[in-house]
């Protein structure tokens, strides 16, 4: 496959990972200011999900390959 055909999938993967990272940062800020324990407890899985999304690979047909 040509790399240009996979560009929308790569961009969507990047945007989804970035969105999760921004959400995690927002939860950390909430954890510092409003809900100290609850915000941090929610932020940890969101950060892990963000790094998991970044580490996903695209297969030859430009789909996310979970294996």
Protein backbone atom coordinates (compact mmCIF):
# COMPACT_ATOMS: atom_id res chain seq x y z
CA UNK A 1 0.00 0.00 0.00
CA UNK A 2 1.11 3.50 -0.65
CA UNK A 3 1.84 5.51 2.49
CA UNK A 4 -0.42 8.34 1.33
CA UNK A 5 -3.50 6.06 1.49
CA UNK A 6 -2.86 5.38 5.18
CA UNK A 7 -2.61 9.04 6.13
CA UNK A 8 -6.22 9.46 7.42
CA UNK A 9 -5.86 6.43 9.69
CA UNK A 10 -2.52 7.66 11.03
CA UNK A 11 -3.94 11.12 11.66
CA UNK A 12 -7.00 9.74 13.44
CA UNK A 13 -4.78 7.52 15.62
CA UNK A 14 -2.61 10.53 16.48
CA UNK A 15 -5.62 12.73 17.24
CA UNK A 16 -7.27 10.08 19.42
CA UNK A 17 -4.06 9.52 21.38
CA UNK A 18 -3.58 13.27 21.77
CA UNK A 19 -7.15 13.68 22.94
CA UNK A 20 -6.64 11.02 25.61
CA UNK A 21 -3.41 12.71 26.72
CA UNK A 22 -5.12 16.10 26.99
CA UNK A 23 -7.93 14.48 28.99
CA UNK A 24 -5.36 12.94 31.33
CA UNK A 25 -3.67 16.30 31.82
CA UNK A 26 -7.05 17.87 32.57
CA UNK A 27 -7.76 15.16 35.14
CA UNK A 28 -4.38 15.78 36.78
CA UNK A 29 -5.18 19.49 37.01
CA UNK A 30 -8.58 18.66 38.51
CA UNK A 31 -6.80 16.27 40.84
CA UNK A 32 -4.49 19.03 42.05
CA UNK A 33 -7.19 21.66 42.52
CA UNK A 34 -10.57 20.09 43.25
CA UNK A 35 -10.60 16.36 43.87
CA UNK A 36 -7.12 15.27 44.95
CA UNK A 37 -7.57 11.50 45.16
CA UNK A 38 -10.38 11.01 42.64
CA UNK A 39 -8.71 13.05 39.87
CA UNK A 40 -5.45 11.14 40.11
CA UNK A 41 -7.22 7.77 40.22
CA UNK A 42 -9.01 8.65 36.97
CA UNK A 43 -5.91 10.14 35.34
CA UNK A 44 -3.75 7.02 35.59
CA UNK A 45 -5.90 4.77 33.34
CA UNK A 46 -6.41 7.58 30.83
CA UNK A 47 -2.64 8.09 30.55
CA UNK A 48 -2.20 4.34 30.08
CA UNK A 49 -4.90 4.34 27.40
CA UNK A 50 -3.22 7.24 25.63
CA UNK A 51 0.14 5.44 25.48
CA UNK A 52 -1.61 2.26 24.34
CA UNK A 53 -3.27 4.13 21.46
CA UNK A 54 0.08 5.66 20.47
CA UNK A 55 1.69 2.22 20.42
CA UNK A 56 -0.92 0.58 18.18
CA UNK A 57 0.33 -0.41 14.75
CA UNK A 58 -1.41 -0.14 11.42
CA UNK A 59 -1.39 -3.23 9.22
CA UNK A 60 -0.98 -3.30 5.43
CA UNK A 61 -4.60 -2.37 4.81
CA UNK A 62 -4.23 0.68 7.11
CA UNK A 63 -6.37 -0.71 9.91
CA UNK A 64 -5.38 -0.87 13.55
CA UNK A 65 -3.69 -4.18 14.24
CA UNK A 66 -4.25 -5.24 17.85
CA UNK A 67 -2.06 -8.34 17.68
